[in-house]
C-alpha atoms as a PDB file:
ATOM      1  CA  MET A   1     -16.705   1.017 -86.095  1.00  0.00           C
ATOM      2  CA  ARG A   2     -14.225   1.826 -88.757  1.00  0.00           C
ATOM      3  CA  SER A   3     -15.544   0.030 -92.039  1.00  0.00           C
ATOM      4  CA  TRP A   4     -12.046   0.372 -93.926  1.00  0.00           C
ATOM      5  CA  ASN A   5      -8.415  -0.198 -93.018  1.00  0.00           C
ATOM      6  CA  SER A   6      -6.195   2.584 -92.544  1.00  0.00           C
ATOM      7  CA  HIS A   7      -2.976   3.263 -94.981  1.00  0.00           C
ATOM      8  CA  ILE A   8      -1.299   6.208 -92.861  1.00  0.00           C
ATOM      9  CA  GLN A   9      -1.694   6.601 -89.116  1.00  0.00           C
ATOM     10  CA  VAL A  10      -0.760  10.075 -87.659  1.00  0.00           C
ATOM     11  CA  SER A  11      -0.091  10.193 -83.702  1.00  0.00           C
ATOM     12  CA  ASN A  12       0.499  13.452 -82.177  1.00  0.00           C
ATOM     13  CA  LEU A  13       1.860  15.523 -85.040  1.00  0.00           C
ATOM     14  CA  THR A  14       3.216  19.024 -84.216  1.00  0.00           C
ATOM     15  CA  VAL A  15       4.857  21.088 -86.965  1.00  0.00           C
ATOM     16  CA  ARG A  16       6.672  24.324 -86.089  1.00  0.00           C
ATOM     17  CA  TYR A  17       8.014  26.765 -88.647  1.00  0.00           C
ATOM     18  CA  ASP A  18      10.494  29.378 -86.676  1.00  0.00           C
ATOM     19  CA  GLY A  19       8.493  28.527 -83.471  1.00  0.00           C
ATOM     20  CA  HIS A  20       5.240  28.845 -84.853  1.00  0.00           C
ATOM     21  CA  ALA A  21       2.849  25.792 -84.631  1.00  0.00           C
ATOM     22  CA  ALA A  22       1.504  25.032 -87.930  1.00  0.00           C
ATOM     23  CA  LEU A  23      -0.069  21.834 -86.976  1.00  0.00           C
ATOM     24  CA  SER A  24      -0.715  21.091 -83.313  1.00  0.00           C
ATOM     25  CA  ASP A  25      -1.065  17.697 -81.887  1.00  0.00           C
ATOM     26  CA  VAL A  26      -2.503  15.925 -85.017  1.00  0.00           C
ATOM     27  CA  THR A  27      -4.048  12.397 -84.748  1.00  0.00           C
ATOM     28  CA  ILE A  28      -5.911  11.025 -87.576  1.00  0.00           C
ATOM     29  CA  ASP A  29      -5.815   7.451 -89.503  1.00  0.00           C
ATOM     30  CA  ILE A  30      -5.823   7.919 -93.351  1.00  0.00           C
ATOM     31  CA  PRO A  31      -8.233   5.167 -94.828  1.00  0.00           C
ATOM     32  CA  ASP A  32      -6.743   2.641 -97.803  1.00  0.00           C
ATOM     33  CA  GLN A  33      -8.331   2.847-101.354  1.00  0.00           C
ATOM     34  CA  LYS A  34     -10.616   5.818-100.640  1.00  0.00           C
ATOM     35  CA  ILE A  35     -10.408   9.643-101.150  1.00  0.00           C
ATOM     36  CA  THR A  36      -9.597  11.755 -98.159  1.00  0.00           C
ATOM     37  CA  ALA A  37     -10.212  15.213 -98.578  1.00  0.00           C
ATOM     38  CA  ILE A  38      -8.520  17.592 -96.115  1.00  0.00           C
ATOM     39  CA  ILE A  39     -10.777  20.933 -95.813  1.00  0.00           C
ATOM     40  CA  GLY A  40     -10.163  24.493 -94.077  1.00  0.00           C
ATOM     41  CA  PRO A  41      -9.470  27.708 -94.468  1.00  0.00           C
ATOM     42  CA  SER A  42      -6.417  29.483 -95.578  1.00  0.00           C
ATOM     43  CA  GLY A  43      -3.670  29.079 -93.196  1.00  0.00           C
ATOM     44  CA  SER A  44      -5.294  26.254 -91.253  1.00  0.00           C
ATOM     45  CA  GLY A  45      -2.343  23.711 -92.050  1.00  0.00           C
ATOM     46  CA  LYS A  46      -3.730  21.846 -95.049  1.00  0.00           C
ATOM     47  CA  THR A  47      -0.664  21.537 -97.165  1.00  0.00           C
ATOM     48  CA  THR A  48       1.801  21.382 -93.914  1.00  0.00           C
ATOM     49  CA  LEU A  49      -0.346  18.057 -93.204  1.00  0.00           C
ATOM     50  CA  LEU A  50      -0.146  16.781 -96.818  1.00  0.00           C
ATOM     51  CA  LYS A  51       3.930  17.362 -96.930  1.00  0.00           C
ATOM     52  CA  SER A  52       4.301  15.736 -93.729  1.00  0.00           C
ATOM     53  CA  PHE A  53       3.189  12.638 -95.367  1.00  0.00           C
ATOM     54  CA  ASN A  54       6.166  12.687 -97.808  1.00  0.00           C
ATOM     55  CA  ARG A  55       8.636  14.656 -95.863  1.00  0.00           C
ATOM     56  CA  LEU A  56       8.750  17.376 -98.050  1.00  0.00           C
ATOM     57  CA  LEU A  57       8.421  19.655 -95.038  1.00  0.00           C
ATOM     58  CA  GLU A  58      12.242  18.794 -94.565  1.00  0.00           C
ATOM     59  CA  LEU A  59      13.040  21.203 -97.722  1.00  0.00           C
ATOM     60  CA  ASP A  60      12.493  24.136 -95.197  1.00  0.00           C
ATOM     61  CA  THR A  61      15.429  24.278 -92.847  1.00  0.00           C
ATOM     62  CA  ASN A  62      13.421  26.333 -90.261  1.00  0.00           C
ATOM     63  CA  VAL A  63      11.131  23.298 -89.760  1.00  0.00           C
ATOM     64  CA  VAL A  64      10.877  21.087 -86.597  1.00  0.00           C
ATOM     65  CA  VAL A  65       8.648  17.879 -86.689  1.00  0.00           C
ATOM     66  CA  THR A  66       7.289  15.720 -83.675  1.00  0.00           C
ATOM     67  CA  GLY A  67       5.228  12.983 -83.386  1.00  0.00           C
ATOM     68  CA  GLU A  68       4.846  10.137 -85.549  1.00  0.00           C
ATOM     69  CA  VAL A  69       3.319   9.478 -89.104  1.00  0.00           C
ATOM     70  CA  ARG A  70       3.321   5.519 -89.873  1.00  0.00           C
ATOM     71  CA  ILE A  71       3.222   4.251 -93.362  1.00  0.00           C
ATOM     72  CA  ASP A  72       2.651   0.704 -93.684  1.00  0.00           C
ATOM     73  CA  GLY A  73       3.546   0.357 -90.043  1.00  0.00           C
ATOM     74  CA  GLU A  74       6.654   2.419 -90.228  1.00  0.00           C
ATOM     75  CA  ASN A  75       7.339   5.663 -88.518  1.00  0.00           C
ATOM     76  CA  ILE A  76       8.636   7.782 -91.533  1.00  0.00           C
ATOM     77  CA  TYR A  77      10.255  10.265 -88.984  1.00  0.00           C
ATOM     78  CA  GLY A  78      12.067   7.442 -87.255  1.00  0.00           C
ATOM     79  CA  PRO A  79      15.775   7.305 -87.396  1.00  0.00           C
ATOM     80  CA  GLY A  80      17.511   5.564 -90.356  1.00  0.00           C
ATOM     81  CA  VAL A  81      14.528   6.025 -92.473  1.00  0.00           C
ATOM     82  CA  GLU A  82      15.309   6.001 -96.244  1.00  0.00           C
ATOM     83  CA  VAL A  83      13.762   9.341 -97.789  1.00  0.00           C
ATOM     84  CA  THR A  84      13.870   8.471-101.256  1.00  0.00           C
ATOM     85  CA  HIS A  85      11.953   4.986-100.756  1.00  0.00           C
ATOM     86  CA  LEU A  86       9.504   6.701 -98.768  1.00  0.00           C
ATOM     87  CA  ARG A  87       9.132   9.171-101.547  1.00  0.00           C
ATOM     88  CA  LYS A  88       9.001   6.660-104.057  1.00  0.00           C
ATOM     89  CA  LYS A  89       5.349   5.384-102.355  1.00  0.00           C
ATOM     90  CA  MET A  90       3.972   8.791-103.011  1.00  0.00           C
ATOM     91  CA  GLY A  91       2.961  10.195-106.157  1.00  0.00           C
ATOM     92  CA  LEU A  92       2.757  14.059-105.441  1.00  0.00           C
ATOM     93  CA  LEU A  93       0.290  16.353-107.673  1.00  0.00           C
ATOM     94  CA  ALA A  94       0.983  20.119-107.063  1.00  0.00           C
ATOM     95  CA  GLN A  95      -1.372  23.117-107.877  1.00  0.00           C
ATOM     96  CA  LYS A  96       0.442  24.268-110.897  1.00  0.00           C
ATOM     97  CA  PRO A  97       1.666  21.394-113.165  1.00  0.00           C
ATOM     98  CA  THR A  98       5.314  21.183-114.012  1.00  0.00           C
ATOM     99  CA  VAL A  99       6.291  19.239-116.626  1.00  0.00           C
ATOM    100  CA  LEU A 100      10.120  18.186-117.195  1.00  0.00           C
ATOM    101  CA  PRO A 101      11.715  19.840-120.021  1.00  0.00           C
ATOM    102  CA  MET A 102      11.495  17.047-122.095  1.00  0.00           C
ATOM    103  CA  SER A 103       9.160  15.238-124.613  1.00  0.00           C
ATOM    104  CA  ILE A 104       5.668  13.774-123.187  1.00  0.00           C
ATOM    105  CA  TYR A 105       7.087  10.304-123.691  1.00  0.00           C
ATOM    106  CA  ASP A 106      10.505  10.998-121.398  1.00  0.00           C
ATOM    107  CA  ASN A 107       8.227  12.716-118.918  1.00  0.00           C
ATOM    108  CA  VAL A 108       6.569   9.464-117.844  1.00  0.00           C
ATOM    109  CA  ALA A 109       9.590   7.420-118.592  1.00  0.00           C
ATOM    110  CA  PHE A 110      11.803   9.393-116.254  1.00  0.00           C
ATOM    111  CA  GLY A 111      10.800   7.609-112.792  1.00  0.00           C
ATOM    112  CA  PRO A 112      11.207   4.117-114.030  1.00  0.00           C
ATOM    113  CA  ARG A 113      14.473   5.130-115.654  1.00  0.00           C
ATOM    114  CA  LEU A 114      15.785   6.074-112.269  1.00  0.00           C
ATOM    115  CA  ASN A 115      14.665   3.148-110.710  1.00  0.00           C
ATOM    116  CA  GLY A 116      16.110   0.718-112.934  1.00  0.00           C
ATOM    117  CA  ARG A 117      15.812   1.392-116.713  1.00  0.00           C
ATOM    118  CA  PRO A 118      13.564  -1.164-118.315  1.00  0.00           C
ATOM    119  CA  GLY A 119      14.229  -2.241-121.860  1.00  0.00           C
ATOM    120  CA  ARG A 120      12.506  -0.127-124.683  1.00  0.00           C
ATOM    121  CA  GLU A 121       9.404  -2.386-125.269  1.00  0.00           C
ATOM    122  CA  ARG A 122       8.879  -2.463-121.653  1.00  0.00           C
ATOM    123  CA  MET A 123       9.258   1.204-121.288  1.00  0.00           C
ATOM    124  CA  ASP A 124       6.859   1.654-124.221  1.00  0.00           C
ATOM    125  CA  GLU A 125       4.095  -0.195-122.231  1.00  0.00           C
ATOM    126  CA  ILE A 126       4.690   1.716-119.010  1.00  0.00           C
ATOM    127  CA  VAL A 127       4.395   4.861-120.699  1.00  0.00           C
ATOM    128  CA  ARG A 128       1.307   3.809-122.756  1.00  0.00           C
ATOM    129  CA  THR A 129      -0.484   2.363-119.779  1.00  0.00           C
ATOM    130  CA  HIS A 130       0.063   5.314-117.284  1.00  0.00           C
ATOM    131  CA  LEU A 131      -1.167   7.793-120.524  1.00  0.00           C
ATOM    132  CA  VAL A 132      -4.284   5.546-120.824  1.00  0.00           C
ATOM    133  CA  ALA A 133      -4.774   5.619-117.014  1.00  0.00           C
ATOM    134  CA  VAL A 134      -5.110   9.405-117.053  1.00  0.00           C
ATOM    135  CA  GLY A 135      -7.110   9.336-120.259  1.00  0.00           C
ATOM    136  CA  LEU A 136      -4.137  11.136-122.162  1.00  0.00           C
ATOM    137  CA  TRP A 137      -3.354   8.423-124.465  1.00  0.00           C
ATOM    138  CA  ASN A 138      -5.535   9.252-127.652  1.00  0.00           C
ATOM    139  CA  GLU A 139      -4.746  12.826-127.168  1.00  0.00           C
ATOM    140  CA  VAL A 140      -0.930  12.578-127.475  1.00  0.00           C
ATOM    141  CA  LYS A 141      -0.181   9.010-129.017  1.00  0.00           C
ATOM    142  CA  ASP A 142       1.042  10.672-132.228  1.00  0.00           C
ATOM    143  CA  ARG A 143       3.295  13.294-130.532  1.00  0.00           C
ATOM    144  CA  LEU A 144       4.876  11.437-127.483  1.00  0.00           C
ATOM    145  CA  HIS A 145       8.189  12.785-128.779  1.00  0.00           C
ATOM    146  CA  LYS A 146       7.027  16.430-128.814  1.00  0.00           C
ATOM    147  CA  PRO A 147       7.873  18.737-125.731  1.00  0.00           C
ATOM    148  CA  ALA A 148       5.641  18.162-122.931  1.00  0.00           C
ATOM    149  CA  ASP A 149       5.316  22.081-122.456  1.00  0.00           C
ATOM    150  CA  ARG A 150       3.366  22.499-125.694  1.00  0.00           C
ATOM    151  CA  LEU A 151       0.515  20.814-123.943  1.00  0.00           C
ATOM    152  CA  SER A 152      -2.308  22.742-122.450  1.00  0.00           C
ATOM    153  CA  VAL A 153      -2.289  23.182-118.990  1.00  0.00           C
ATOM    154  CA  GLY A 154      -5.003  20.562-118.236  1.00  0.00           C
ATOM    155  CA  GLN A 155      -3.175  17.993-120.369  1.00  0.00           C
ATOM    156  CA  GLN A 156      -0.042  18.935-118.379  1.00  0.00           C
ATOM    157  CA  GLN A 157      -1.561  18.301-115.148  1.00  0.00           C
ATOM    158  CA  ARG A 158      -2.845  14.605-116.598  1.00  0.00           C
ATOM    159  CA  LEU A 159       0.840  14.127-117.585  1.00  0.00           C
ATOM    160  CA  CYS A 160       2.145  14.911-114.349  1.00  0.00           C
ATOM    161  CA  LEU A 161      -0.454  12.586-112.804  1.00  0.00           C
ATOM    162  CA  ALA A 162       0.802   9.875-115.326  1.00  0.00           C
ATOM    163  CA  ARG A 163       4.760  10.546-114.188  1.00  0.00           C
ATOM    164  CA  GLY A 164       3.620  10.037-110.781  1.00  0.00           C
ATOM    165  CA  LEU A 165       1.945   6.999-111.335  1.00  0.00           C
ATOM    166  CA  ALA A 166       4.535   5.304-113.405  1.00  0.00           C
ATOM    167  CA  VAL A 167       6.722   4.660-110.474  1.00  0.00           C
ATOM    168  CA  GLU A 168       4.398   2.738-108.715  1.00  0.00           C
ATOM    169  CA  PRO A 169       3.229   4.746-105.689  1.00  0.00           C
ATOM    170  CA  GLU A 170       0.990   3.276-102.971  1.00  0.00           C
ATOM    171  CA  VAL A 171      -0.411   7.161-102.413  1.00  0.00           C
ATOM    172  CA  ILE A 172      -1.636   9.969-104.382  1.00  0.00           C
ATOM    173  CA  LEU A 173      -1.174  13.340-102.793  1.00  0.00           C
ATOM    174  CA  GLY A 174      -2.896  16.048-104.293  1.00  0.00           C
ATOM    175  CA  ASP A 175      -2.425  20.043-103.478  1.00  0.00           C
ATOM    176  CA  GLU A 176      -5.279  21.699-104.697  1.00  0.00           C
ATOM    177  CA  PRO A 177      -4.421  19.881-107.984  1.00  0.00           C
ATOM    178  CA  THR A 178      -7.538  21.287-110.037  1.00  0.00           C
ATOM    179  CA  SER A 179      -6.904  24.802-108.806  1.00  0.00           C
ATOM    180  CA  ALA A 180      -5.156  26.483-111.925  1.00  0.00           C
ATOM    181  CA  LEU A 181      -7.398  24.306-114.455  1.00  0.00           C
ATOM    182  CA  ASP A 182     -10.466  25.161-116.509  1.00  0.00           C
ATOM    183  CA  PRO A 183     -13.689  23.511-115.394  1.00  0.00           C
ATOM    184  CA  ARG A 184     -13.656  20.877-118.187  1.00  0.00           C
ATOM    185  CA  SER A 185     -10.178  19.858-117.220  1.00  0.00           C
ATOM    186  CA  SER A 186     -10.775  20.014-113.537  1.00  0.00           C
ATOM    187  CA  ARG A 187     -13.873  17.645-114.008  1.00  0.00           C
ATOM    188  CA  THR A 188     -11.295  15.195-116.001  1.00  0.00           C
ATOM    189  CA  ILE A 189      -8.965  15.083-113.343  1.00  0.00           C
ATOM    190  CA  GLU A 190     -11.695  14.191-110.601  1.00  0.00           C
ATOM    191  CA  GLU A 191     -12.876  11.484-112.919  1.00  0.00           C
ATOM    192  CA  LYS A 192      -9.247   9.980-112.882  1.00  0.00           C
ATOM    193  CA  PHE A 193      -8.999  10.410-109.052  1.00  0.00           C
ATOM    194  CA  THR A 194     -12.447   8.138-108.850  1.00  0.00           C
ATOM    195  CA  ALA A 195     -11.139   5.627-111.126  1.00  0.00           C
ATOM    196  CA  LEU A 196      -7.831   5.256-109.517  1.00  0.00           C
ATOM    197  CA  LYS A 197      -9.108   5.133-105.748  1.00  0.00           C
ATOM    198  CA  SER A 198      -9.497   1.427-106.009  1.00  0.00           C
ATOM    199  CA  ARG A 199      -5.910   1.064-106.431  1.00  0.00           C
ATOM    200  CA  TYR A 200      -4.407   3.856-104.328  1.00  0.00           C
ATOM    201  CA  THR A 201      -4.942   5.956-101.356  1.00  0.00           C
ATOM    202  CA  ILE A 202      -5.562   9.373-102.551  1.00  0.00           C
ATOM    203  CA  ILE A 203      -5.379  12.633-100.031  1.00  0.00           C
ATOM    204  CA  LEU A 204      -6.442  15.690-101.466  1.00  0.00           C
ATOM    205  CA  VAL A 205      -6.096  19.348-100.060  1.00  0.00           C
ATOM    206  CA  THR A 206      -8.987  21.302-101.696  1.00  0.00           C
ATOM    207  CA  HIS A 207     -10.735  25.017-100.746  1.00  0.00           C
ATOM    208  CA  ILE A 208     -13.582  23.861-103.149  1.00  0.00           C
ATOM    209  CA  LEU A 209     -16.548  22.315-100.680  1.00  0.00           C
ATOM    210  CA  ARG A 210     -18.355  21.280-103.981  1.00  0.00           C
ATOM    211  CA  GLN A 211     -15.269  19.283-105.186  1.00  0.00           C
ATOM    212  CA  ALA A 212     -14.861  17.642-101.651  1.00  0.00           C
ATOM    213  CA  ARG A 213     -18.468  16.985-101.614  1.00  0.00           C
ATOM    214  CA  ARG A 214     -18.276  15.137-104.970  1.00  0.00           C
ATOM    215  CA  LEU A 215     -15.086  13.411-104.684  1.00  0.00           C
ATOM    216  CA  ALA A 216     -14.393  12.302-100.875  1.00  0.00           C
ATOM    217  CA  ASP A 217     -14.908   9.273 -98.874  1.00  0.00           C
ATOM    218  CA  TYR A 218     -13.555  10.802 -95.828  1.00  0.00           C
ATOM    219  CA  VAL A 219     -13.084  14.369 -94.537  1.00  0.00           C
ATOM    220  CA  VAL A 220     -10.514  16.063 -92.301  1.00  0.00           C
ATOM    221  CA  PHE A 221     -11.285  19.581 -91.436  1.00  0.00           C
ATOM    222  CA  LEU A 222      -8.650  21.636 -90.323  1.00  0.00           C
ATOM    223  CA  TYR A 223      -8.881  24.794 -88.186  1.00  0.00           C
ATOM    224  CA  ASP A 224      -5.625  26.858 -86.825  1.00  0.00           C
ATOM    225  CA  GLY A 225      -3.704  23.688 -87.219  1.00  0.00           C
ATOM    226  CA  ARG A 226      -5.927  21.323 -85.340  1.00  0.00           C
ATOM    227  CA  ILE A 227      -8.206  18.654 -86.448  1.00  0.00           C
ATOM    228  CA  VAL A 228     -11.766  20.041 -85.393  1.00  0.00           C
ATOM    229  CA  GLU A 229     -13.598  17.118 -87.197  1.00  0.00           C
ATOM    230  CA  HIS A 230     -13.144  13.899 -89.267  1.00  0.00           C
ATOM    231  CA  GLY A 231     -15.268  11.005 -90.461  1.00  0.00           C
ATOM    232  CA  PRO A 232     -16.989   9.721 -93.369  1.00  0.00           C
ATOM    233  CA  ALA A 233     -17.788  12.288 -95.932  1.00  0.00           C
ATOM    234  CA  GLY A 234     -21.492  11.595 -95.478  1.00  0.00           C
ATOM    235  CA  GLN A 235     -21.309  12.071 -91.806  1.00  0.00           C
ATOM    236  CA  VAL A 236     -19.224  15.341 -91.777  1.00  0.00           C
ATOM    237  CA  PHE A 237     -21.032  17.014 -94.596  1.00  0.00           C
ATOM    238  CA  GLY A 238     -24.826  15.853 -93.688  1.00  0.00           C
ATOM    239  CA  THR A 239     -24.654  15.685 -89.822  1.00  0.00           C
ATOM    240  CA  PRO A 240     -21.496  17.330 -88.393  1.00  0.00           C
ATOM    241  CA  ARG A 241     -20.783  16.855 -84.693  1.00  0.00           C
ATOM    242  CA  GLU A 242     -19.165  20.233 -84.321  1.00  0.00           C
ATOM    243  CA  GLN A 243     -20.551  23.728 -84.728  1.00  0.00           C
ATOM    244  CA  LEU A 244     -17.024  25.348 -86.371  1.00  0.00           C
ATOM    245  CA  THR A 245     -17.562  22.778 -88.964  1.00  0.00           C
ATOM    246  CA  ARG A 246     -21.077  23.435 -89.565  1.00  0.00           C
ATOM    247  CA  GLU A 247     -20.398  26.937 -89.982  1.00  0.00           C
ATOM    248  CA  TYR A 248     -17.709  26.400 -92.246  1.00  0.00           C
ATOM    249  CA  ILE A 249     -19.380  24.046 -94.795  1.00  0.00           C
ATOM    250  CA  GLU A 250     -22.719  26.312 -94.549  1.00  0.00           C
ATOM    251  CA  GLY A 251     -20.187  29.093 -95.639  1.00  0.00           C
ATOM    252  CA  ILE A 252     -20.558  31.353 -92.472  1.00  0.00           C
ATOM    253  CA  PHE A 253     -16.680  31.968 -92.718  1.00  0.00           C
ATOM    254  CA  SER A 254     -13.928  30.590 -95.442  1.00  0.00           C
END
């Protein structure tokens, strides 16, 4: 019996690029307020699945998507869905941090300003709250109006996370979010994910099995665009049902 609620339900999802199936008939429920790790070898469809959750796939004109992805019960690929509203629910953290060409303060304030322009006192509170949430406040509070690109790469990634949280998303999507970071910065990001999962649904693509073991509550194993196995992390890593899963987590192939 499932011990948690699902936030995202994927049904018969197939994604084709120029006729080639990157995902084939994927059906999965993503649990709410948990960390789900999507694992699998390169080219297995991990990032494609992640991008299906906020319709970033549509930035490629040669993509065809069939099936359903339901968020809060709404099929986001149904007719008339407002994409901007959908993406507001999603905070995306990419492999390489991309700060906006403006100050640290303005990076965090960017989304809230687009969505309603809070007054200065309220904006100050929003910026401080989210910089505290990602463990960056004490490091930058005396230089909030300095250019964000002067931060270290690890600090920039946490700033990108704060910027995403500032629009009050429901879901945090991470596409190998620590792959460009040093070990200390990676550990800090991992700690923030663990702290945030009580308030957000977090979905991470990772090629680092040690990271998936440390962080994941739920695991989805993809191979060649199909789900081989999924389930609670303890079960998938401890007693995998499928031989292919066992071979992957034992490092027989990668």
